[in-house]
PDB file of all heavy atoms in Angstrom:
ATOM      1  N   ASP A   1      -9.601  -5.172 -14.125  1.00  0.00           N
ATOM      2  CA  ASP A   1     -10.496  -4.614 -15.137  1.00  0.00           C
ATOM      3  C   ASP A   1     -10.975  -5.667 -16.128  1.00  0.00           C
ATOM      4  O   ASP A   1     -12.107  -5.595 -16.621  1.00  0.00           O
ATOM      5  CB  ASP A   1      -9.796  -3.481 -15.894  1.00  0.00           C
ATOM      6  CG  ASP A   1      -9.616  -2.233 -15.053  1.00  0.00           C
ATOM      7  OD1 ASP A   1     -10.320  -2.084 -14.037  1.00  0.00           O
ATOM      8  OD2 ASP A   1      -8.771  -1.396 -15.423  1.00  0.00           O
ATOM      9  N   SER A   2     -10.134  -6.644 -16.412  1.00  0.00           N
ATOM     10  CA  SER A   2     -10.469  -7.657 -17.392  1.00  0.00           C
ATOM     11  C   SER A   2     -11.634  -8.549 -16.970  1.00  0.00           C
ATOM     12  O   SER A   2     -12.265  -9.190 -17.812  1.00  0.00           O
ATOM     13  CB  SER A   2      -9.246  -8.523 -17.706  1.00  0.00           C
ATOM     14  OG  SER A   2      -8.767  -9.157 -16.533  1.00  0.00           O
ATOM     15  N   VAL A   3     -11.911  -8.593 -15.669  1.00  0.00           N
ATOM     16  CA  VAL A   3     -12.981  -9.456 -15.175  1.00  0.00           C
ATOM     17  C   VAL A   3     -14.048  -8.690 -14.411  1.00  0.00           C
ATOM     18  O   VAL A   3     -14.999  -9.298 -13.891  1.00  0.00           O
ATOM     19  CB  VAL A   3     -12.420 -10.591 -14.287  1.00  0.00           C
ATOM     20  CG1 VAL A   3     -11.402 -11.423 -15.052  1.00  0.00           C
ATOM     21  CG2 VAL A   3     -11.802 -10.017 -13.016  1.00  0.00           C
ATOM     22  N   LYS A   4     -13.915  -7.382 -14.352  1.00  0.00           N
ATOM     23  CA  LYS A   4     -14.865  -6.563 -13.608  1.00  0.00           C
ATOM     24  C   LYS A   4     -16.274  -6.723 -14.171  1.00  0.00           C
ATOM     25  O   LYS A   4     -16.483  -6.686 -15.372  1.00  0.00           O
ATOM     26  CB  LYS A   4     -14.443  -5.099 -13.647  1.00  0.00           C
ATOM     27  CG  LYS A   4     -15.174  -4.223 -12.642  1.00  0.00           C
ATOM     28  CD  LYS A   4     -14.561  -2.837 -12.574  1.00  0.00           C
ATOM     29  CE  LYS A   4     -15.193  -2.002 -11.482  1.00  0.00           C
ATOM     30  NZ  LYS A   4     -14.561  -0.668 -11.381  1.00  0.00           N
ATOM     31  N   GLY A   5     -17.220  -6.909 -13.265  1.00  0.00           N
ATOM     32  CA  GLY A   5     -18.596  -7.121 -13.666  1.00  0.00           C
ATOM     33  C   GLY A   5     -18.940  -8.573 -13.908  1.00  0.00           C
ATOM     34  O   GLY A   5     -20.124  -8.915 -14.008  1.00  0.00           O
ATOM     35  N   ARG A   6     -17.928  -9.424 -13.997  1.00  0.00           N
ATOM     36  CA  ARG A   6     -18.145 -10.845 -14.233  1.00  0.00           C
ATOM     37  C   ARG A   6     -17.674 -11.716 -13.077  1.00  0.00           C
ATOM     38  O   ARG A   6     -18.294 -12.731 -12.778  1.00  0.00           O
ATOM     39  CB  ARG A   6     -17.441 -11.287 -15.518  1.00  0.00           C
ATOM     40  CG  ARG A   6     -17.925 -10.558 -16.763  1.00  0.00           C
ATOM     41  CD  ARG A   6     -17.322 -11.155 -18.025  1.00  0.00           C
ATOM     42  NE  ARG A   6     -15.871 -11.004 -18.068  1.00  0.00           N
ATOM     43  CZ  ARG A   6     -15.010 -12.025 -18.075  1.00  0.00           C
ATOM     44  NH1 ARG A   6     -15.452 -13.277 -18.043  1.00  0.00           N
ATOM     45  NH2 ARG A   6     -13.704 -11.799 -18.129  1.00  0.00           N
ATOM     46  N   PHE A   7     -16.585 -11.323 -12.435  1.00  0.00           N
ATOM     47  CA  PHE A   7     -16.022 -12.086 -11.328  1.00  0.00           C
ATOM     48  C   PHE A   7     -16.253 -11.358 -10.018  1.00  0.00           C
ATOM     49  O   PHE A   7     -16.277 -10.134  -9.965  1.00  0.00           O
ATOM     50  CB  PHE A   7     -14.515 -12.278 -11.501  1.00  0.00           C
ATOM     51  CG  PHE A   7     -14.103 -13.202 -12.613  1.00  0.00           C
ATOM     52  CD1 PHE A   7     -14.996 -13.607 -13.594  1.00  0.00           C
ATOM     53  CD2 PHE A   7     -12.798 -13.663 -12.672  1.00  0.00           C
ATOM     54  CE1 PHE A   7     -14.609 -14.451 -14.619  1.00  0.00           C
ATOM     55  CE2 PHE A   7     -12.394 -14.509 -13.689  1.00  0.00           C
ATOM     56  CZ  PHE A   7     -13.290 -14.903 -14.662  1.00  0.00           C
ATOM     57  N   ARG A   8     -16.363 -12.137  -8.951  1.00  0.00           N
ATOM     58  CA  ARG A   8     -16.514 -11.559  -7.631  1.00  0.00           C
ATOM     59  C   ARG A   8     -15.764 -12.402  -6.611  1.00  0.00           C
ATOM     60  O   ARG A   8     -15.877 -13.627  -6.607  1.00  0.00           O
ATOM     61  CB  ARG A   8     -17.993 -11.457  -7.242  1.00  0.00           C
ATOM     62  CG  ARG A   8     -18.230 -10.758  -5.915  1.00  0.00           C
ATOM     63  CD  ARG A   8     -19.713 -10.563  -5.634  1.00  0.00           C
ATOM     64  NE  ARG A   8     -20.387 -11.810  -5.316  1.00  0.00           N
ATOM     65  CZ  ARG A   8     -21.218 -12.442  -6.116  1.00  0.00           C
ATOM     66  NH1 ARG A   8     -21.510 -11.930  -7.312  1.00  0.00           N
ATOM     67  NH2 ARG A   8     -21.790 -13.570  -5.743  1.00  0.00           N
ATOM     68  N   ILE A   9     -15.002 -11.734  -5.762  1.00  0.00           N
ATOM     69  CA  ILE A   9     -14.272 -12.421  -4.709  1.00  0.00           C
ATOM     70  C   ILE A   9     -15.039 -12.269  -3.403  1.00  0.00           C
ATOM     71  O   ILE A   9     -15.608 -11.212  -3.123  1.00  0.00           O
ATOM     72  CB  ILE A   9     -12.830 -11.876  -4.577  1.00  0.00           C
ATOM     73  CG1 ILE A   9     -12.024 -12.698  -3.576  1.00  0.00           C
ATOM     74  CG2 ILE A   9     -12.828 -10.392  -4.211  1.00  0.00           C
ATOM     75  CD1 ILE A   9     -10.535 -12.349  -3.569  1.00  0.00           C
ATOM     76  N   SER A  10     -15.075 -13.327  -2.624  1.00  0.00           N
ATOM     77  CA  SER A  10     -15.770 -13.288  -1.346  1.00  0.00           C
ATOM     78  C   SER A  10     -15.084 -14.225  -0.369  1.00  0.00           C
ATOM     79  O   SER A  10     -14.261 -15.063  -0.749  1.00  0.00           O
ATOM     80  CB  SER A  10     -17.251 -13.651  -1.510  1.00  0.00           C
ATOM     81  OG  SER A  10     -17.407 -14.953  -2.038  1.00  0.00           O
ATOM     82  N   HIS A  11     -15.434 -14.076   0.887  1.00  0.00           N
ATOM     83  CA  HIS A  11     -14.812 -14.871   1.934  1.00  0.00           C
ATOM     84  C   HIS A  11     -15.842 -15.236   2.990  1.00  0.00           C
ATOM     85  O   HIS A  11     -16.651 -14.399   3.409  1.00  0.00           O
ATOM     86  CB  HIS A  11     -13.659 -14.084   2.571  1.00  0.00           C
ATOM     87  CG  HIS A  11     -12.881 -14.849   3.600  1.00  0.00           C
ATOM     88  ND1 HIS A  11     -13.274 -14.942   4.914  1.00  0.00           N
ATOM     89  CD2 HIS A  11     -11.723 -15.549   3.504  1.00  0.00           C
ATOM     90  CE1 HIS A  11     -12.407 -15.667   5.584  1.00  0.00           C
ATOM     91  NE2 HIS A  11     -11.451 -16.047   4.751  1.00  0.00           N
ATOM     92  N   ARG A  12     -15.815 -16.475   3.402  1.00  0.00           N
ATOM     93  CA  ARG A  12     -16.676 -16.928   4.479  1.00  0.00           C
ATOM     94  C   ARG A  12     -15.968 -18.016   5.263  1.00  0.00           C
ATOM     95  O   ARG A  12     -15.469 -18.994   4.686  1.00  0.00           O
ATOM     96  CB  ARG A  12     -18.017 -17.441   3.952  1.00  0.00           C
ATOM     97  CG  ARG A  12     -19.022 -17.732   5.071  1.00  0.00           C
ATOM     98  CD  ARG A  12     -20.409 -17.950   4.529  1.00  0.00           C
ATOM     99  NE  ARG A  12     -20.517 -19.197   3.791  1.00  0.00           N
ATOM    100  CZ  ARG A  12     -21.621 -19.609   3.193  1.00  0.00           C
ATOM    101  NH1 ARG A  12     -22.709 -18.855   3.228  1.00  0.00           N
ATOM    102  NH2 ARG A  12     -21.633 -20.751   2.538  1.00  0.00           N
ATOM    103  N   GLY A  13     -15.910 -17.818   6.568  1.00  0.00           N
ATOM    104  CA  GLY A  13     -15.194 -18.756   7.407  1.00  0.00           C
ATOM    105  C   GLY A  13     -13.716 -18.759   7.059  1.00  0.00           C
ATOM    106  O   GLY A  13     -13.061 -17.716   7.076  1.00  0.00           O
ATOM    107  N   THR A  14     -13.194 -19.908   6.713  1.00  0.00           N
ATOM    108  CA  THR A  14     -11.797 -20.014   6.306  1.00  0.00           C
ATOM    109  C   THR A  14     -11.665 -20.331   4.825  1.00  0.00           C
ATOM    110  O   THR A  14     -10.627 -20.827   4.382  1.00  0.00           O
ATOM    111  CB  THR A  14     -11.067 -21.088   7.131  1.00  0.00           C
ATOM    112  OG1 THR A  14     -11.740 -22.348   6.999  1.00  0.00           O
ATOM    113  CG2 THR A  14     -11.023 -20.698   8.606  1.00  0.00           C
ATOM    114  N   THR A  15     -12.713 -20.026   4.065  1.00  0.00           N
ATOM    115  CA  THR A  15     -12.712 -20.314   2.640  1.00  0.00           C
ATOM    116  C   THR A  15     -12.835 -19.030   1.828  1.00  0.00           C
ATOM    117  O   THR A  15     -13.707 -18.204   2.087  1.00  0.00           O
ATOM    118  CB  THR A  15     -13.855 -21.271   2.268  1.00  0.00           C
ATOM    119  OG1 THR A  15     -13.742 -22.473   3.032  1.00  0.00           O
ATOM    120  CG2 THR A  15     -13.797 -21.627   0.794  1.00  0.00           C
ATOM    121  N   LEU A  16     -11.958 -18.892   0.862  1.00  0.00           N
ATOM    122  CA  LEU A  16     -12.001 -17.785  -0.081  1.00  0.00           C
ATOM    123  C   LEU A  16     -12.636 -18.278  -1.378  1.00  0.00           C
ATOM    124  O   LEU A  16     -12.311 -19.367  -1.852  1.00  0.00           O
ATOM    125  CB  LEU A  16     -10.588 -17.266  -0.350  1.00  0.00           C
ATOM    126  CG  LEU A  16     -10.444 -16.039  -1.245  1.00  0.00           C
ATOM    127  CD1 LEU A  16     -10.932 -14.793  -0.517  1.00  0.00           C
ATOM    128  CD2 LEU A  16      -8.988 -15.871  -1.672  1.00  0.00           C
ATOM    129  N   TYR A  17     -13.514 -17.473  -1.943  1.00  0.00           N
ATOM    130  CA  TYR A  17     -14.227 -17.865  -3.150  1.00  0.00           C
ATOM    131  C   TYR A  17     -13.963 -16.900  -4.300  1.00  0.00           C
ATOM    132  O   TYR A  17     -13.728 -15.710  -4.096  1.00  0.00           O
ATOM    133  CB  TYR A  17     -15.740 -17.899  -2.901  1.00  0.00           C
ATOM    134  CG  TYR A  17     -16.178 -18.867  -1.842  1.00  0.00           C
ATOM    135  CD1 TYR A  17     -16.342 -18.457  -0.527  1.00  0.00           C
ATOM    136  CD2 TYR A  17     -16.441 -20.198  -2.156  1.00  0.00           C
ATOM    137  CE1 TYR A  17     -16.755 -19.345   0.454  1.00  0.00           C
ATOM    138  CE2 TYR A  17     -16.854 -21.089  -1.182  1.00  0.00           C
ATOM    139  CZ  TYR A  17     -17.013 -20.654   0.118  1.00  0.00           C
ATOM    140  OH  TYR A  17     -17.421 -21.540   1.087  1.00  0.00           O
ATOM    141  N   LEU A  18     -14.010 -17.430  -5.494  1.00  0.00           N
ATOM    142  CA  LEU A  18     -14.019 -16.616  -6.698  1.00  0.00           C
ATOM    143  C   LEU A  18     -15.200 -17.066  -7.533  1.00  0.00           C
ATOM    144  O   LEU A  18     -15.195 -18.171  -8.082  1.00  0.00           O
ATOM    145  CB  LEU A  18     -12.716 -16.758  -7.489  1.00  0.00           C
ATOM    146  CG  LEU A  18     -12.623 -15.889  -8.742  1.00  0.00           C
ATOM    147  CD1 LEU A  18     -12.554 -14.413  -8.360  1.00  0.00           C
ATOM    148  CD2 LEU A  18     -11.420 -16.281  -9.595  1.00  0.00           C
ATOM    149  N   THR A  19     -16.206 -16.217  -7.608  1.00  0.00           N
ATOM    150  CA  THR A  19     -17.388 -16.510  -8.402  1.00  0.00           C
ATOM    151  C   THR A  19     -17.193 -15.923  -9.787  1.00  0.00           C
ATOM    152  O   THR A  19     -16.976 -14.721  -9.931  1.00  0.00           O
ATOM    153  CB  THR A  19     -18.645 -15.916  -7.748  1.00  0.00           C
ATOM    154  OG1 THR A  19     -18.794 -16.442  -6.427  1.00  0.00           O
ATOM    155  CG2 THR A  19     -19.878 -16.264  -8.554  1.00  0.00           C
ATOM    156  N   MET A  20     -17.257 -16.767 -10.792  1.00  0.00           N
ATOM    157  CA  MET A  20     -16.982 -16.362 -12.159  1.00  0.00           C
ATOM    158  C   MET A  20     -18.224 -16.570 -13.009  1.00  0.00           C
ATOM    159  O   MET A  20     -18.724 -17.688 -13.117  1.00  0.00           O
ATOM    160  CB  MET A  20     -15.809 -17.158 -12.734  1.00  0.00           C
ATOM    161  CG  MET A  20     -14.544 -17.082 -11.892  1.00  0.00           C
ATOM    162  SD  MET A  20     -13.153 -17.972 -12.642  1.00  0.00           S
ATOM    163  CE  MET A  20     -13.738 -19.665 -12.490  1.00  0.00           C
ATOM    164  N   ASN A  21     -18.702 -15.501 -13.591  1.00  0.00           N
ATOM    165  CA  ASN A  21     -19.863 -15.542 -14.464  1.00  0.00           C
ATOM    166  C   ASN A  21     -19.493 -15.057 -15.857  1.00  0.00           C
ATOM    167  O   ASN A  21     -18.501 -14.356 -16.044  1.00  0.00           O
ATOM    168  CB  ASN A  21     -20.990 -14.673 -13.905  1.00  0.00           C
ATOM    169  CG  ASN A  21     -21.513 -15.148 -12.577  1.00  0.00           C
ATOM    170  OD1 ASN A  21     -21.812 -16.332 -12.411  1.00  0.00           O
ATOM    171  ND2 ASN A  21     -21.642 -14.236 -11.623  1.00  0.00           N
ATOM    172  N   ASP A  22     -20.313 -15.413 -16.827  1.00  0.00           N
ATOM    173  CA  ASP A  22     -20.108 -15.001 -18.214  1.00  0.00           C
ATOM    174  C   ASP A  22     -18.670 -15.272 -18.658  1.00  0.00           C
ATOM    175  O   ASP A  22     -17.979 -14.394 -19.179  1.00  0.00           O
ATOM    176  CB  ASP A  22     -20.452 -13.513 -18.370  1.00  0.00           C
ATOM    177  CG  ASP A  22     -20.539 -13.085 -19.820  1.00  0.00           C
ATOM    178  OD1 ASP A  22     -20.801 -13.944 -20.692  1.00  0.00           O
ATOM    179  OD2 ASP A  22     -20.350 -11.882 -20.091  1.00  0.00           O
ATOM    180  N   LEU A  23     -18.240 -16.484 -18.469  1.00  0.00           N
ATOM    181  CA  LEU A  23     -16.862 -16.851 -18.781  1.00  0.00           C
ATOM    182  C   LEU A  23     -16.584 -16.776 -20.276  1.00  0.00           C
ATOM    183  O   LEU A  23     -17.452 -17.068 -21.107  1.00  0.00           O
ATOM    184  CB  LEU A  23     -16.560 -18.252 -18.260  1.00  0.00           C
ATOM    185  CG  LEU A  23     -16.346 -18.322 -16.749  1.00  0.00           C
ATOM    186  CD1 LEU A  23     -16.515 -19.741 -16.242  1.00  0.00           C
ATOM    187  CD2 LEU A  23     -14.959 -17.782 -16.391  1.00  0.00           C
ATOM    188  N   LYS A  24     -15.368 -16.378 -20.592  1.00  0.00           N
ATOM    189  CA  LYS A  24     -14.918 -16.228 -21.958  1.00  0.00           C
ATOM    190  C   LYS A  24     -13.681 -17.095 -22.191  1.00  0.00           C
ATOM    191  O   LYS A  24     -12.965 -17.422 -21.250  1.00  0.00           O
ATOM    192  CB  LYS A  24     -14.580 -14.762 -22.245  1.00  0.00           C
ATOM    193  CG  LYS A  24     -15.725 -13.794 -21.975  1.00  0.00           C
ATOM    194  CD  LYS A  24     -15.278 -12.353 -22.153  1.00  0.00           C
ATOM    195  CE  LYS A  24     -16.409 -11.388 -21.872  1.00  0.00           C
ATOM    196  NZ  LYS A  24     -15.982  -9.974 -22.039  1.00  0.00           N
ATOM    197  N   PRO A  25     -13.411 -17.448 -23.442  1.00  0.00           N
ATOM    198  CA  PRO A  25     -12.222 -18.267 -23.723  1.00  0.00           C
ATOM    199  C   PRO A  25     -10.930 -17.657 -23.174  1.00  0.00           C
ATOM    200  O   PRO A  25     -10.045 -18.402 -22.736  1.00  0.00           O
ATOM    201  CB  PRO A  25     -12.197 -18.327 -25.252  1.00  0.00           C
ATOM    202  CG  PRO A  25     -13.634 -18.232 -25.636  1.00  0.00           C
ATOM    203  CD  PRO A  25     -14.231 -17.263 -24.648  1.00  0.00           C
ATOM    204  N   GLU A  26     -10.819 -16.346 -23.172  1.00  0.00           N
ATOM    205  CA  GLU A  26      -9.617 -15.706 -22.661  1.00  0.00           C
ATOM    206  C   GLU A  26      -9.456 -15.833 -21.154  1.00  0.00           C
ATOM    207  O   GLU A  26      -8.405 -15.491 -20.609  1.00  0.00           O
ATOM    208  CB  GLU A  26      -9.570 -14.220 -23.067  1.00  0.00           C
ATOM    209  CG  GLU A  26     -10.817 -13.440 -22.687  1.00  0.00           C
ATOM    210  CD  GLU A  26     -11.789 -13.290 -23.840  1.00  0.00           C
ATOM    211  OE1 GLU A  26     -11.992 -14.274 -24.574  1.00  0.00           O
ATOM    212  OE2 GLU A  26     -12.338 -12.177 -24.016  1.00  0.00           O
ATOM    213  N   ASP A  27     -10.488 -16.316 -20.477  1.00  0.00           N
ATOM    214  CA  ASP A  27     -10.389 -16.583 -19.048  1.00  0.00           C
ATOM    215  C   ASP A  27      -9.712 -17.912 -18.757  1.00  0.00           C
ATOM    216  O   ASP A  27      -9.403 -18.210 -17.601  1.00  0.00           O
ATOM    217  CB  ASP A  27     -11.774 -16.581 -18.396  1.00  0.00           C
ATOM    218  CG  ASP A  27     -12.448 -15.218 -18.446  1.00  0.00           C
ATOM    219  OD1 ASP A  27     -11.761 -14.202 -18.230  1.00  0.00           O
ATOM    220  OD2 ASP A  27     -13.674 -15.185 -18.691  1.00  0.00           O
ATOM    221  N   SER A  28      -9.504 -18.716 -19.782  1.00  0.00           N
ATOM    222  CA  SER A  28      -8.872 -20.017 -19.599  1.00  0.00           C
ATOM    223  C   SER A  28      -7.467 -19.851 -19.035  1.00  0.00           C
ATOM    224  O   SER A  28      -6.640 -19.126 -19.595  1.00  0.00           O
ATOM    225  CB  SER A  28      -8.808 -20.780 -20.918  1.00  0.00           C
ATOM    226  OG  SER A  28     -10.100 -21.058 -21.402  1.00  0.00           O
ATOM    227  N   ALA A  29      -7.209 -20.498 -17.923  1.00  0.00           N
ATOM    228  CA  ALA A  29      -5.923 -20.395 -17.244  1.00  0.00           C
ATOM    229  C   ALA A  29      -5.940 -21.300 -16.027  1.00  0.00           C
ATOM    230  O   ALA A  29      -6.971 -21.858 -15.659  1.00  0.00           O
ATOM    231  CB  ALA A  29      -5.650 -18.951 -16.811  1.00  0.00           C
ATOM    232  N   LYS A  30      -4.784 -21.432 -15.419  1.00  0.00           N
ATOM    233  CA  LYS A  30      -4.720 -22.092 -14.134  1.00  0.00           C
ATOM    234  C   LYS A  30      -4.862 -21.022 -13.054  1.00  0.00           C
ATOM    235  O   LYS A  30      -4.115 -20.050 -13.040  1.00  0.00           O
ATOM    236  CB  LYS A  30      -3.407 -22.854 -13.960  1.00  0.00           C
ATOM    237  CG  LYS A  30      -3.418 -23.817 -12.783  1.00  0.00           C
ATOM    238  CD  LYS A  30      -2.223 -24.758 -12.821  1.00  0.00           C
ATOM    239  CE  LYS A  30      -2.324 -25.819 -11.752  1.00  0.00           C
ATOM    240  NZ  LYS A  30      -1.181 -26.767 -11.795  1.00  0.00           N
ATOM    241  N   TYR A  31      -5.825 -21.205 -12.195  1.00  0.00           N
ATOM    242  CA  TYR A  31      -6.136 -20.213 -11.173  1.00  0.00           C
ATOM    243  C   TYR A  31      -5.542 -20.615  -9.834  1.00  0.00           C
ATOM    244  O   TYR A  31      -5.659 -21.763  -9.401  1.00  0.00           O
ATOM    245  CB  TYR A  31      -7.646 -20.043 -11.043  1.00  0.00           C
ATOM    246  CG  TYR A  31      -8.253 -19.234 -12.167  1.00  0.00           C
ATOM    247  CD1 TYR A  31      -8.364 -19.767 -13.449  1.00  0.00           C
ATOM    248  CD2 TYR A  31      -8.701 -17.935 -11.950  1.00  0.00           C
ATOM    249  CE1 TYR A  31      -8.898 -19.023 -14.482  1.00  0.00           C
ATOM    250  CE2 TYR A  31      -9.245 -17.185 -12.974  1.00  0.00           C
ATOM    251  CZ  TYR A  31      -9.340 -17.734 -14.238  1.00  0.00           C
ATOM    252  OH  TYR A  31      -9.884 -16.992 -15.268  1.00  0.00           O
ATOM    253  N   TYR A  32      -4.920 -19.641  -9.178  1.00  0.00           N
ATOM    254  CA  TYR A  32      -4.258 -19.870  -7.905  1.00  0.00           C
ATOM    255  C   TYR A  32      -4.849 -18.995  -6.812  1.00  0.00           C
ATOM    256  O   TYR A  32      -5.125 -17.817  -7.020  1.00  0.00           O
ATOM    257  CB  TYR A  32      -2.762 -19.564  -8.002  1.00  0.00           C
ATOM    258  CG  TYR A  32      -1.993 -20.488  -8.911  1.00  0.00           C
ATOM    259  CD1 TYR A  32      -1.911 -20.248 -10.276  1.00  0.00           C
ATOM    260  CD2 TYR A  32      -1.335 -21.596  -8.395  1.00  0.00           C
ATOM    261  CE1 TYR A  32      -1.202 -21.088 -11.107  1.00  0.00           C
ATOM    262  CE2 TYR A  32      -0.620 -22.439  -9.218  1.00  0.00           C
ATOM    263  CZ  TYR A  32      -0.554 -22.180 -10.578  1.00  0.00           C
ATOM    264  OH  TYR A  32       0.158 -23.024 -11.395  1.00  0.00           O
ATOM    265  N   CYS A  33      -5.011 -19.580  -5.667  1.00  0.00           N
ATOM    266  CA  CYS A  33      -5.356 -18.854  -4.465  1.00  0.00           C
ATOM    267  C   CYS A  33      -4.068 -18.454  -3.761  1.00  0.00           C
ATOM    268  O   CYS A  33      -3.091 -19.206  -3.755  1.00  0.00           O
ATOM    269  CB  CYS A  33      -6.212 -19.740  -3.559  1.00  0.00           C
ATOM    270  SG  CYS A  33      -6.544 -19.073  -1.921  1.00  0.00           S
ATOM    271  N   ALA A  34      -4.050 -17.262  -3.193  1.00  0.00           N
ATOM    272  CA  ALA A  34      -2.858 -16.787  -2.510  1.00  0.00           C
ATOM    273  C   ALA A  34      -3.225 -15.956  -1.293  1.00  0.00           C
ATOM    274  O   ALA A  34      -4.307 -15.376  -1.219  1.00  0.00           O
ATOM    275  CB  ALA A  34      -1.982 -15.962  -3.458  1.00  0.00           C
ATOM    276  N   ALA A  35      -2.294 -15.890  -0.345  1.00  0.00           N
ATOM    277  CA  ALA A  35      -2.499 -15.097   0.861  1.00  0.00           C
ATOM    278  C   ALA A  35      -1.179 -14.508   1.311  1.00  0.00           C
ATOM    279  O   ALA A  35      -0.109 -15.051   1.036  1.00  0.00           O
ATOM    280  CB  ALA A  35      -3.105 -15.956   1.968  1.00  0.00           C
ATOM    281  N   ALA A  36      -1.264 -13.388   2.006  1.00  0.00           N
ATOM    282  CA  ALA A  36      -0.072 -12.713   2.498  1.00  0.00           C
ATOM    283  C   ALA A  36      -0.342 -12.108   3.861  1.00  0.00           C
ATOM    284  O   ALA A  36      -1.364 -11.439   4.055  1.00  0.00           O
ATOM    285  CB  ALA A  36       0.379 -11.628   1.524  1.00  0.00           C
ATOM    286  N   GLN A  37       0.560 -12.327   4.783  1.00  0.00           N
ATOM    287  CA  GLN A  37       0.446 -11.728   6.105  1.00  0.00           C
ATOM    288  C   GLN A  37       0.937 -10.290   6.095  1.00  0.00           C
ATOM    289  O   GLN A  37       0.528  -9.487   6.923  1.00  0.00           O
ATOM    290  CB  GLN A  37       1.225 -12.552   7.134  1.00  0.00           C
ATOM    291  CG  GLN A  37       0.611 -13.915   7.401  1.00  0.00           C
ATOM    292  CD  GLN A  37       1.439 -14.747   8.344  1.00  0.00           C
ATOM    293  OE1 GLN A  37       2.618 -14.984   8.094  1.00  0.00           O
ATOM    294  NE2 GLN A  37       0.817 -15.190   9.421  1.00  0.00           N
ATOM    295  N   GLU A  38       1.825  -9.981   5.172  1.00  0.00           N
ATOM    296  CA  GLU A  38       2.340  -8.630   5.019  1.00  0.00           C
ATOM    297  C   GLU A  38       2.090  -8.189   3.583  1.00  0.00           C
ATOM    298  O   GLU A  38       2.699  -8.701   2.647  1.00  0.00           O
ATOM    299  CB  GLU A  38       3.827  -8.576   5.358  1.00  0.00           C
ATOM    300  CG  GLU A  38       4.417  -7.180   5.337  1.00  0.00           C
ATOM    301  CD  GLU A  38       5.845  -7.161   5.843  1.00  0.00           C
ATOM    302  OE1 GLU A  38       6.050  -7.526   7.017  1.00  0.00           O
ATOM    303  OE2 GLU A  38       6.745  -6.793   5.067  1.00  0.00           O
ATOM    304  N   CYS A  39       1.196  -7.237   3.414  1.00  0.00           N
ATOM    305  CA  CYS A  39       0.780  -6.810   2.087  1.00  0.00           C
ATOM    306  C   CYS A  39       0.252  -5.388   2.183  1.00  0.00           C
ATOM    307  O   CYS A  39      -0.392  -5.021   3.163  1.00  0.00           O
ATOM    308  CB  CYS A  39      -0.301  -7.752   1.553  1.00  0.00           C
ATOM    309  SG  CYS A  39      -1.021  -7.302  -0.037  1.00  0.00           S
ATOM    310  N   THR A  40       0.522  -4.594   1.165  1.00  0.00           N
ATOM    311  CA  THR A  40       0.020  -3.233   1.117  1.00  0.00           C
ATOM    312  C   THR A  40      -1.154  -3.141   0.158  1.00  0.00           C
ATOM    313  O   THR A  40      -1.333  -3.980  -0.727  1.00  0.00           O
ATOM    314  CB  THR A  40       1.100  -2.237   0.681  1.00  0.00           C
ATOM    315  OG1 THR A  40       1.469  -2.498  -0.680  1.00  0.00           O
ATOM    316  CG2 THR A  40       2.334  -2.353   1.566  1.00  0.00           C
ATOM    317  N   PHE A  41      -1.939  -2.109   0.322  1.00  0.00           N
ATOM    318  CA  PHE A  41      -3.082  -1.889  -0.548  1.00  0.00           C
ATOM    319  C   PHE A  41      -2.637  -1.743  -2.006  1.00  0.00           C
ATOM    320  O   PHE A  41      -3.265  -2.290  -2.911  1.00  0.00           O
ATOM    321  CB  PHE A  41      -3.843  -0.642  -0.106  1.00  0.00           C
ATOM    322  CG  PHE A  41      -5.038  -0.315  -0.955  1.00  0.00           C
ATOM    323  CD1 PHE A  41      -6.221  -1.013  -0.786  1.00  0.00           C
ATOM    324  CD2 PHE A  41      -4.985   0.683  -1.913  1.00  0.00           C
ATOM    325  CE1 PHE A  41      -7.336  -0.712  -1.558  1.00  0.00           C
ATOM    326  CE2 PHE A  41      -6.090   0.990  -2.690  1.00  0.00           C
ATOM    327  CZ  PHE A  41      -7.264   0.286  -2.509  1.00  0.00           C
ATOM    328  N   ALA A  42      -1.550  -1.018  -2.233  1.00  0.00           N
ATOM    329  CA  ALA A  42      -1.082  -0.776  -3.585  1.00  0.00           C
ATOM    330  C   ALA A  42      -0.621  -2.056  -4.275  1.00  0.00           C
ATOM    331  O   ALA A  42      -0.705  -2.168  -5.501  1.00  0.00           O
ATOM    332  CB  ALA A  42       0.047   0.245  -3.574  1.00  0.00           C
ATOM    333  N   ASP A  43      -0.137  -3.026  -3.502  1.00  0.00           N
ATOM    334  CA  ASP A  43       0.404  -4.258  -4.067  1.00  0.00           C
ATOM    335  C   ASP A  43      -0.556  -5.433  -3.977  1.00  0.00           C
ATOM    336  O   ASP A  43      -0.151  -6.584  -4.176  1.00  0.00           O
ATOM    337  CB  ASP A  43       1.711  -4.627  -3.363  1.00  0.00           C
ATOM    338  CG  ASP A  43       2.810  -3.622  -3.598  1.00  0.00           C
ATOM    339  OD1 ASP A  43       2.776  -2.940  -4.635  1.00  0.00           O
ATOM    340  OD2 ASP A  43       3.708  -3.516  -2.734  1.00  0.00           O
TER     341      ASP A  43
END
């Protein structure tokens, strides 16, 4: 919810993207990409 309308996740080929628009100071952080072979929708 904190980034809804500003950030968008997408995937093409073997690359995952995070498109970030209208960035705010509170968005400052270290960003990590992650993947899971076993994952549920709720988690």
